[in-house]
Amino acid sequence: MNATSTVQPMAFDTVSLDIPKADITFFKTLAKKMGWKINKKAQPAKPQKKSLYDPESGCYLNDETMKVIEDAENGIGLEFMGSVEEFKEWAKNL
């Protein structure tokens, strides 16, 4: 009787790991020896906060000041106290 053996394809599960950068080389070596597949996915970019630089002070504006500016850009919290003529004069000087 002649026994034949067939090799079954390996079934894989997909997992996500966070590995310290110092251990990446070791992990890649281990994965290769174990026959694992590594697919590195790009990390989503972190949204950057808006900031403005004040050359006079040499500093960036703080979060509170940036919030006021963003609100003003979006028309939130704007209020003019004065007459229409004062407003026109103020707007002309911008």
PDB file of N, CA and C in Angstrom:
ATOM      1  N   MET A   1       0.849  -1.167   0.000  1.00  0.00           N
ATOM      2  CA  MET A   1       0.000   0.000   0.000  1.00  0.00           C
ATOM      3  C   MET A   1       0.896   1.231   0.000  1.00  0.00           C
ATOM      4  N   ASN A   2       0.582   2.132  -0.856  1.00  0.00           N
ATOM      5  CA  ASN A   2       1.403   3.313  -1.036  1.00  0.00           C
ATOM      6  C   ASN A   2       0.717   4.499  -0.359  1.00  0.00           C
ATOM      7  N   ALA A   3       1.351   5.037   0.639  1.00  0.00           N
ATOM      8  CA  ALA A   3       0.755   6.168   1.365  1.00  0.00           C
ATOM      9  C   ALA A   3       1.189   7.467   0.690  1.00  0.00           C
ATOM     10  N   THR A   4       0.242   8.284   0.407  1.00  0.00           N
ATOM     11  CA  THR A   4       0.565   9.602  -0.150  1.00  0.00           C
ATOM     12  C   THR A   4       0.181  10.651   0.865  1.00  0.00           C
ATOM     13  N   SER A   5       1.003  11.641   0.963  1.00  0.00           N
ATOM     14  CA  SER A   5       0.679  12.719   1.897  1.00  0.00           C
ATOM     15  C   SER A   5       0.464  14.000   1.101  1.00  0.00           C
ATOM     16  N   THR A   6      -0.480  14.725   1.518  1.00  0.00           N
ATOM     17  CA  THR A   6      -0.735  16.024   0.885  1.00  0.00           C
ATOM     18  C   THR A   6      -0.487  17.110   1.911  1.00  0.00           C
ATOM     19  N   VAL A   7       0.051  18.195   1.421  1.00  0.00           N
ATOM     20  CA  VAL A   7       0.325  19.333   2.304  1.00  0.00           C
ATOM     21  C   VAL A   7      -0.853  20.290   2.207  1.00  0.00           C
ATOM     22  N   GLN A   8      -1.460  20.536   3.332  1.00  0.00           N
ATOM     23  CA  GLN A   8      -2.585  21.460   3.380  1.00  0.00           C
ATOM     24  C   GLN A   8      -2.056  22.887   3.518  1.00  0.00           C
ATOM     25  N   PRO A   9      -2.653  23.842   2.814  1.00  0.00           N
ATOM     26  CA  PRO A   9      -2.215  25.231   2.994  1.00  0.00           C
ATOM     27  C   PRO A   9      -2.495  25.686   4.421  1.00  0.00           C
ATOM     28  N   MET A  10      -1.605  26.518   4.917  1.00  0.00           N
ATOM     29  CA  MET A  10      -1.740  27.008   6.281  1.00  0.00           C
ATOM     30  C   MET A  10      -2.849  28.067   6.351  1.00  0.00           C
ATOM     31  N   ALA A  11      -3.694  27.951   7.351  1.00  0.00           N
ATOM     32  CA  ALA A  11      -4.742  28.947   7.561  1.00  0.00           C
ATOM     33  C   ALA A  11      -4.180  30.077   8.423  1.00  0.00           C
ATOM     34  N   PHE A  12      -4.495  31.284   8.074  1.00  0.00           N
ATOM     35  CA  PHE A  12      -3.981  32.436   8.807  1.00  0.00           C
ATOM     36  C   PHE A  12      -5.105  33.220   9.462  1.00  0.00           C
ATOM     37  N   ASP A  13      -4.812  33.809  10.607  1.00  0.00           N
ATOM     38  CA  ASP A  13      -5.655  34.818  11.243  1.00  0.00           C
ATOM     39  C   ASP A  13      -4.896  36.132  11.146  1.00  0.00           C
ATOM     40  N   THR A  14      -5.616  37.218  11.044  1.00  0.00           N
ATOM     41  CA  THR A  14      -4.985  38.536  10.989  1.00  0.00           C
ATOM     42  C   THR A  14      -5.078  39.175  12.359  1.00  0.00           C
ATOM     43  N   VAL A  15      -3.942  39.648  12.855  1.00  0.00           N
ATOM     44  CA  VAL A  15      -3.900  40.322  14.149  1.00  0.00           C
ATOM     45  C   VAL A  15      -3.157  41.639  13.999  1.00  0.00           C
ATOM     46  N   SER A  16      -3.335  42.496  14.961  1.00  0.00           N
ATOM     47  CA  SER A  16      -2.638  43.783  14.994  1.00  0.00           C
ATOM     48  C   SER A  16      -1.770  43.818  16.244  1.00  0.00           C
ATOM     49  N   LEU A  17      -0.519  44.208  16.079  1.00  0.00           N
ATOM     50  CA  LEU A  17       0.413  44.276  17.206  1.00  0.00           C
ATOM     51  C   LEU A  17       1.069  45.646  17.255  1.00  0.00           C
ATOM     52  N   ASP A  18       1.330  46.110  18.446  1.00  0.00           N
ATOM     53  CA  ASP A  18       2.156  47.297  18.651  1.00  0.00           C
ATOM     54  C   ASP A  18       3.472  46.804  19.213  1.00  0.00           C
ATOM     55  N   ILE A  19       4.533  47.007  18.443  1.00  0.00           N
ATOM     56  CA  ILE A  19       5.850  46.477  18.818  1.00  0.00           C
ATOM     57  C   ILE A  19       6.813  47.634  19.010  1.00  0.00           C
ATOM     58  N   PRO A  20       7.544  47.640  20.115  1.00  0.00           N
ATOM     59  CA  PRO A  20       8.543  48.702  20.307  1.00  0.00           C
ATOM     60  C   PRO A  20       9.557  48.688  19.158  1.00  0.00           C
ATOM     61  N   LYS A  21       9.960  49.871  18.723  1.00  0.00           N
ATOM     62  CA  LYS A  21      10.898  49.976  17.610  1.00  0.00           C
ATOM     63  C   LYS A  21      12.171  49.181  17.867  1.00  0.00           C
ATOM     64  N   ALA A  22      12.610  49.136  19.103  1.00  0.00           N
ATOM     65  CA  ALA A  22      13.840  48.411  19.430  1.00  0.00           C
ATOM     66  C   ALA A  22      13.708  46.916  19.182  1.00  0.00           C
ATOM     67  N   ASP A  23      12.492  46.381  19.120  1.00  0.00           N
ATOM     68  CA  ASP A  23      12.278  44.943  18.946  1.00  0.00           C
ATOM     69  C   ASP A  23      11.872  44.541  17.527  1.00  0.00           C
ATOM     70  N   ILE A  24      11.800  45.473  16.616  1.00  0.00           N
ATOM     71  CA  ILE A  24      11.337  45.179  15.257  1.00  0.00           C
ATOM     72  C   ILE A  24      12.223  44.145  14.562  1.00  0.00           C
ATOM     73  N   THR A  25      13.529  44.317  14.642  1.00  0.00           N
ATOM     74  CA  THR A  25      14.439  43.374  13.972  1.00  0.00           C
ATOM     75  C   THR A  25      14.233  41.966  14.512  1.00  0.00           C
ATOM     76  N   PHE A  26      14.146  41.837  15.833  1.00  0.00           N
ATOM     77  CA  PHE A  26      13.901  40.532  16.448  1.00  0.00           C
ATOM     78  C   PHE A  26      12.564  39.963  15.973  1.00  0.00           C
ATOM     79  N   PHE A  27      11.543  40.791  15.942  1.00  0.00           N
ATOM     80  CA  PHE A  27      10.213  40.324  15.533  1.00  0.00           C
ATOM     81  C   PHE A  27      10.225  39.848  14.084  1.00  0.00           C
ATOM     82  N   LYS A  28      10.893  40.569  13.201  1.00  0.00           N
ATOM     83  CA  LYS A  28      10.952  40.168  11.795  1.00  0.00           C
ATOM     84  C   LYS A  28      11.673  38.828  11.639  1.00  0.00           C
ATOM     85  N   THR A  29      12.754  38.636  12.408  1.00  0.00           N
ATOM     86  CA  THR A  29      13.484  37.365  12.376  1.00  0.00           C
ATOM     87  C   THR A  29      12.597  36.224  12.857  1.00  0.00           C
ATOM     88  N   LEU A  30      11.899  36.443  13.967  1.00  0.00           N
ATOM     89  CA  LEU A  30      10.990  35.436  14.507  1.00  0.00           C
ATOM     90  C   LEU A  30       9.880  35.113  13.512  1.00  0.00           C
ATOM     91  N   ALA A  31       9.286  36.147  12.934  1.00  0.00           N
ATOM     92  CA  ALA A  31       8.187  35.949  11.989  1.00  0.00           C
ATOM     93  C   ALA A  31       8.659  35.132  10.782  1.00  0.00           C
ATOM     94  N   LYS A  32       9.838  35.431  10.283  1.00  0.00           N
ATOM     95  CA  LYS A  32      10.375  34.700   9.130  1.00  0.00           C
ATOM     96  C   LYS A  32      10.572  33.222   9.467  1.00  0.00           C
ATOM     97  N   LYS A  33      11.145  32.946  10.653  1.00  0.00           N
ATOM     98  CA  LYS A  33      11.378  31.563  11.070  1.00  0.00           C
ATOM     99  C   LYS A  33      10.067  30.803  11.281  1.00  0.00           C
ATOM    100  N   MET A  34       9.025  31.510  11.707  1.00  0.00           N
ATOM    101  CA  MET A  34       7.733  30.873  11.976  1.00  0.00           C
ATOM    102  C   MET A  34       6.867  30.762  10.718  1.00  0.00           C
ATOM    103  N   GLY A  35       7.287  31.403   9.630  1.00  0.00           N
ATOM    104  CA  GLY A  35       6.498  31.373   8.407  1.00  0.00           C
ATOM    105  C   GLY A  35       5.326  32.338   8.425  1.00  0.00           C
ATOM    106  N   TRP A  36       5.432  33.331   9.262  1.00  0.00           N
ATOM    107  CA  TRP A  36       4.369  34.330   9.368  1.00  0.00           C
ATOM    108  C   TRP A  36       4.525  35.372   8.284  1.00  0.00           C
ATOM    109  N   LYS A  37       3.420  35.986   7.922  1.00  0.00           N
ATOM    110  CA  LYS A  37       3.427  37.095   6.968  1.00  0.00           C
ATOM    111  C   LYS A  37       3.257  38.392   7.747  1.00  0.00           C
ATOM    112  N   ILE A  38       4.059  39.388   7.409  1.00  0.00           N
ATOM    113  CA  ILE A  38       3.941  40.703   8.066  1.00  0.00           C
ATOM    114  C   ILE A  38       3.493  41.710   7.025  1.00  0.00           C
ATOM    115  N   ASN A  39       2.411  42.384   7.319  1.00  0.00           N
ATOM    116  CA  ASN A  39       1.914  43.474   6.476  1.00  0.00           C
ATOM    117  C   ASN A  39       1.825  44.714   7.340  1.00  0.00           C
ATOM    118  N   LYS A  40       2.725  45.647   7.127  1.00  0.00           N
ATOM    119  CA  LYS A  40       2.718  46.872   7.920  1.00  0.00           C
ATOM    120  C   LYS A  40       1.721  47.848   7.307  1.00  0.00           C
ATOM    121  N   LYS A  41       0.798  48.300   8.125  1.00  0.00           N
ATOM    122  CA  LYS A  41      -0.178  49.293   7.678  1.00  0.00           C
ATOM    123  C   LYS A  41       0.269  50.660   8.150  1.00  0.00           C
ATOM    124  N   ALA A  42       0.076  51.641   7.286  1.00  0.00           N
ATOM    125  CA  ALA A  42       0.443  53.008   7.644  1.00  0.00           C
ATOM    126  C   ALA A  42      -0.472  53.514   8.754  1.00  0.00           C
ATOM    127  N   GLN A  43       0.124  54.209   9.713  1.00  0.00           N
ATOM    128  CA  GLN A  43      -0.653  54.815  10.792  1.00  0.00           C
ATOM    129  C   GLN A  43      -1.366  56.048  10.252  1.00  0.00           C
ATOM    130  N   PRO A  44      -2.604  56.258  10.639  1.00  0.00           N
ATOM    131  CA  PRO A  44      -3.277  57.480  10.190  1.00  0.00           C
ATOM    132  C   PRO A  44      -2.560  58.700  10.746  1.00  0.00           C
ATOM    133  N   ALA A  45      -2.470  59.708   9.921  1.00  0.00           N
ATOM    134  CA  ALA A  45      -1.783  60.935  10.340  1.00  0.00           C
ATOM    135  C   ALA A  45      -2.578  61.610  11.449  1.00  0.00           C
ATOM    136  N   LYS A  46      -1.861  62.086  12.434  1.00  0.00           N
ATOM    137  CA  LYS A  46      -2.512  62.821  13.514  1.00  0.00           C
ATOM    138  C   LYS A  46      -2.839  64.220  13.004  1.00  0.00           C
ATOM    139  N   PRO A  47      -4.051  64.673  13.255  1.00  0.00           N
ATOM    140  CA  PRO A  47      -4.369  66.036  12.820  1.00  0.00           C
ATOM    141  C   PRO A  47      -3.522  67.039  13.592  1.00  0.00           C
ATOM    142  N   GLN A  48      -2.968  67.973  12.859  1.00  0.00           N
ATOM    143  CA  GLN A  48      -2.147  68.970  13.514  1.00  0.00           C
ATOM    144  C   GLN A  48      -3.014  70.142  13.952  1.00  0.00           C
ATOM    145  N   LYS A  49      -2.684  70.649  15.146  1.00  0.00           N
ATOM    146  CA  LYS A  49      -3.398  71.805  15.644  1.00  0.00           C
ATOM    147  C   LYS A  49      -2.933  73.030  14.869  1.00  0.00           C
ATOM    148  N   LYS A  50      -3.881  73.920  14.619  1.00  0.00           N
ATOM    149  CA  LYS A  50      -3.509  75.199  14.026  1.00  0.00           C
ATOM    150  C   LYS A  50      -2.745  75.997  15.073  1.00  0.00           C
ATOM    151  N   SER A  51      -1.755  76.717  14.611  1.00  0.00           N
ATOM    152  CA  SER A  51      -1.043  77.598  15.522  1.00  0.00           C
ATOM    153  C   SER A  51      -0.526  78.791  14.738  1.00  0.00           C
ATOM    154  N   LEU A  52      -0.390  79.880  15.423  1.00  0.00           N
ATOM    155  CA  LEU A  52       0.139  81.097  14.817  1.00  0.00           C
ATOM    156  C   LEU A  52       1.354  81.545  15.601  1.00  0.00           C
ATOM    157  N   TYR A  53       2.349  81.989  14.869  1.00  0.00           N
ATOM    158  CA  TYR A  53       3.594  82.453  15.475  1.00  0.00           C
ATOM    159  C   TYR A  53       3.554  83.967  15.617  1.00  0.00           C
ATOM    160  N   ASP A  54       3.929  84.457  16.783  1.00  0.00           N
ATOM    161  CA  ASP A  54       4.001  85.888  17.040  1.00  0.00           C
ATOM    162  C   ASP A  54       5.470  86.294  17.013  1.00  0.00           C
ATOM    163  N   PRO A  55       5.928  86.902  15.917  1.00  0.00           N
ATOM    164  CA  PRO A  55       7.348  87.242  15.828  1.00  0.00           C
ATOM    165  C   PRO A  55       7.784  88.281  16.858  1.00  0.00           C
ATOM    166  N   GLU A  56       6.836  89.062  17.326  1.00  0.00           N
ATOM    167  CA  GLU A  56       7.169  90.079  18.327  1.00  0.00           C
ATOM    168  C   GLU A  56       7.595  89.443  19.646  1.00  0.00           C
ATOM    169  N   SER A  57       6.855  88.418  20.062  1.00  0.00           N
ATOM    170  CA  SER A  57       7.186  87.754  21.326  1.00  0.00           C
ATOM    171  C   SER A  57       8.085  86.540  21.119  1.00  0.00           C
ATOM    172  N   GLY A  58       8.123  86.028  19.870  1.00  0.00           N
ATOM    173  CA  GLY A  58       8.895  84.826  19.601  1.00  0.00           C
ATOM    174  C   GLY A  58       8.196  83.567  20.070  1.00  0.00           C
ATOM    175  N   CYS A  59       6.881  83.640  20.299  1.00  0.00           N
ATOM    176  CA  CYS A  59       6.117  82.503  20.813  1.00  0.00           C
ATOM    177  C   CYS A  59       4.959  82.184  19.877  1.00  0.00           C
ATOM    178  N   TYR A  60       4.399  80.984  20.072  1.00  0.00           N
ATOM    179  CA  TYR A  60       3.173  80.613  19.379  1.00  0.00           C
ATOM    180  C   TYR A  60       1.998  80.965  20.277  1.00  0.00           C
ATOM    181  N   LEU A  61       0.871  81.291  19.656  1.00  0.00           N
ATOM    182  CA  LEU A  61      -0.317  81.620  20.433  1.00  0.00           C
ATOM    183  C   LEU A  61      -0.805  80.379  21.173  1.00  0.00           C
ATOM    184  N   ASN A  62      -1.343  80.588  22.375  1.00  0.00           N
ATOM    185  CA  ASN A  62      -1.823  79.460  23.171  1.00  0.00           C
ATOM    186  C   ASN A  62      -3.165  78.947  22.640  1.00  0.00           C
ATOM    187  N   ASP A  63      -3.599  77.805  23.154  1.00  0.00           N
ATOM    188  CA  ASP A  63      -4.833  77.166  22.679  1.00  0.00           C
ATOM    189  C   ASP A  63      -6.060  78.050  22.864  1.00  0.00           C
ATOM    190  N   GLU A  64      -6.113  78.769  23.961  1.00  0.00           N
ATOM    191  CA  GLU A  64      -7.270  79.632  24.242  1.00  0.00           C
ATOM    192  C   GLU A  64      -7.379  80.739  23.191  1.00  0.00           C
ATOM    193  N   THR A  65      -6.264  81.364  22.863  1.00  0.00           N
ATOM    194  CA  THR A  65      -6.264  82.429  21.867  1.00  0.00           C
ATOM    195  C   THR A  65      -6.615  81.864  20.489  1.00  0.00           C
ATOM    196  N   MET A  66      -6.074  80.696  20.168  1.00  0.00           N
ATOM    197  CA  MET A  66      -6.390  80.069  18.881  1.00  0.00           C
ATOM    198  C   MET A  66      -7.876  79.745  18.781  1.00  0.00           C
ATOM    199  N   LYS A  67      -8.486  79.325  19.884  1.00  0.00           N
ATOM    200  CA  LYS A  67      -9.923  79.021  19.894  1.00  0.00           C
ATOM    201  C   LYS A  67     -10.733  80.269  19.575  1.00  0.00           C
ATOM    202  N   VAL A  68     -10.359  81.408  20.147  1.00  0.00           N
ATOM    203  CA  VAL A  68     -11.064  82.671  19.886  1.00  0.00           C
ATOM    204  C   VAL A  68     -10.937  83.038  18.414  1.00  0.00           C
ATOM    205  N   ILE A  69      -9.742  82.873  17.860  1.00  0.00           N
ATOM    206  CA  ILE A  69      -9.525  83.198  16.446  1.00  0.00           C
ATOM    207  C   ILE A  69     -10.344  82.270  15.547  1.00  0.00           C
ATOM    208  N   GLU A  70     -10.331  80.964  15.841  1.00  0.00           N
ATOM    209  CA  GLU A  70     -11.115  80.010  15.050  1.00  0.00           C
ATOM    210  C   GLU A  70     -12.603  80.317  15.149  1.00  0.00           C
ATOM    211  N   ASP A  71     -13.080  80.647  16.346  1.00  0.00           N
ATOM    212  CA  ASP A  71     -14.485  81.012  16.508  1.00  0.00           C
ATOM    213  C   ASP A  71     -14.828  82.237  15.666  1.00  0.00           C
ATOM    214  N   ALA A  72     -13.954  83.232  15.680  1.00  0.00           N
ATOM    215  CA  ALA A  72     -14.187  84.448  14.896  1.00  0.00           C
ATOM    216  C   ALA A  72     -14.220  84.128  13.404  1.00  0.00           C
ATOM    217  N   GLU A  73     -13.313  83.251  12.958  1.00  0.00           N
ATOM    218  CA  GLU A  73     -13.309  82.851  11.545  1.00  0.00           C
ATOM    219  C   GLU A  73     -14.612  82.165  11.160  1.00  0.00           C
ATOM    220  N   ASN A  74     -15.224  81.481  12.110  1.00  0.00           N
ATOM    221  CA  ASN A  74     -16.488  80.780  11.864  1.00  0.00           C
ATOM    222  C   ASN A  74     -17.710  81.618  12.232  1.00  0.00           C
ATOM    223  N   GLY A  75     -17.493  82.890  12.572  1.00  0.00           N
ATOM    224  CA  GLY A  75     -18.599  83.787  12.896  1.00  0.00           C
ATOM    225  C   GLY A  75     -19.216  83.550  14.256  1.00  0.00           C
ATOM    226  N   ILE A  76     -18.492  82.905  15.155  1.00  0.00           N
ATOM    227  CA  ILE A  76     -19.006  82.598  16.489  1.00  0.00           C
ATOM    228  C   ILE A  76     -18.506  83.653  17.467  1.00  0.00           C
ATOM    229  N   GLY A  77     -19.407  84.210  18.241  1.00  0.00           N
ATOM    230  CA  GLY A  77     -19.027  85.141  19.298  1.00  0.00           C
ATOM    231  C   GLY A  77     -18.643  86.534  18.823  1.00  0.00           C
ATOM    232  N   LEU A  78     -19.009  86.874  17.597  1.00  0.00           N
ATOM    233  CA  LEU A  78     -18.693  88.210  17.104  1.00  0.00           C
ATOM    234  C   LEU A  78     -19.808  89.176  17.491  1.00  0.00           C
ATOM    235  N   GLU A  79     -19.402  90.306  18.003  1.00  0.00           N
ATOM    236  CA  GLU A  79     -20.384  91.302  18.396  1.00  0.00           C
ATOM    237  C   GLU A  79     -19.704  92.659  18.331  1.00  0.00           C
ATOM    238  N   PHE A  80     -20.352  93.613  17.695  1.00  0.00           N
ATOM    239  CA  PHE A  80     -19.790  94.956  17.616  1.00  0.00           C
ATOM    240  C   PHE A  80     -20.648  95.879  18.456  1.00  0.00           C
ATOM    241  N   MET A  81     -20.015  96.615  19.345  1.00  0.00           N
ATOM    242  CA  MET A  81     -20.723  97.561  20.202  1.00  0.00           C
ATOM    243  C   MET A  81     -20.441  98.961  19.678  1.00  0.00           C
ATOM    244  N   GLY A  82     -21.430  99.567  19.138  1.00  0.00           N
ATOM    245  CA  GLY A  82     -21.257 100.926  18.618  1.00  0.00           C
ATOM    246  C   GLY A  82     -22.254 101.192  17.505  1.00  0.00           C
ATOM    247  N   SER A  83     -22.100 102.366  16.912  1.00  0.00           N
ATOM    248  CA  SER A  83     -23.026 102.766  15.847  1.00  0.00           C
ATOM    249  C   SER A  83     -22.577 102.173  14.512  1.00  0.00           C
ATOM    250  N   VAL A  84     -23.466 102.258  13.530  1.00  0.00           N
ATOM    251  CA  VAL A  84     -23.154 101.799  12.184  1.00  0.00           C
ATOM    252  C   VAL A  84     -22.009 102.627  11.613  1.00  0.00           C
ATOM    253  N   GLU A  85     -22.006 103.921  11.893  1.00  0.00           N
ATOM    254  CA  GLU A  85     -20.939 104.795  11.394  1.00  0.00           C
ATOM    255  C   GLU A  85     -19.593 104.392  12.003  1.00  0.00           C
ATOM    256  N   GLU A  86     -19.560 104.064  13.284  1.00  0.00           N
ATOM    257  CA  GLU A  86     -18.326 103.613  13.926  1.00  0.00           C
ATOM    258  C   GLU A  86     -17.850 102.282  13.322  1.00  0.00           C
ATOM    259  N   PHE A  87     -18.811 101.432  13.005  1.00  0.00           N
ATOM    260  CA  PHE A  87     -18.469 100.162  12.389  1.00  0.00           C
ATOM    261  C   PHE A  87     -17.860 100.372  11.011  1.00  0.00           C
ATOM    262  N   LYS A  88     -18.473 101.272  10.226  1.00  0.00           N
ATOM    263  CA  LYS A  88     -17.945 101.565   8.889  1.00  0.00           C
ATOM    264  C   LYS A  88     -16.528 102.132   8.985  1.00  0.00           C
ATOM    265  N   GLU A  89     -16.286 103.010   9.932  1.00  0.00           N
ATOM    266  CA  GLU A  89     -14.964 103.583  10.114  1.00  0.00           C
ATOM    267  C   GLU A  89     -13.958 102.513  10.542  1.00  0.00           C
ATOM    268  N   TRP A  90     -14.397 101.653  11.418  1.00  0.00           N
ATOM    269  CA  TRP A  90     -13.528 100.560  11.880  1.00  0.00           C
ATOM    270  C   TRP A  90     -13.189  99.628  10.721  1.00  0.00           C
ATOM    271  N   ALA A  91     -14.197  99.262   9.912  1.00  0.00           N
ATOM    272  CA  ALA A  91     -13.993  98.343   8.782  1.00  0.00           C
ATOM    273  C   ALA A  91     -13.100  98.973   7.721  1.00  0.00           C
ATOM    274  N   LYS A  92     -13.202 100.281   7.534  1.00  0.00           N
ATOM    275  CA  LYS A  92     -12.393 100.977   6.532  1.00  0.00           C
ATOM    276  C   LYS A  92     -10.910 100.921   6.913  1.00  0.00           C
ATOM    277  N   ASN A  93     -10.622 100.888   8.194  1.00  0.00           N
ATOM    278  CA  ASN A  93      -9.238 100.886   8.670  1.00  0.00           C
ATOM    279  C   ASN A  93      -8.601  99.487   8.678  1.00  0.00           C
ATOM    280  N   LEU A  94      -9.369  98.480   8.321  1.00  0.00           N
ATOM    281  CA  LEU A  94      -8.800  97.120   8.317  1.00  0.00           C
ATOM    282  C   LEU A  94      -7.816  96.924   7.226  1.00  0.00           C
TER     283      LEU A  94
END
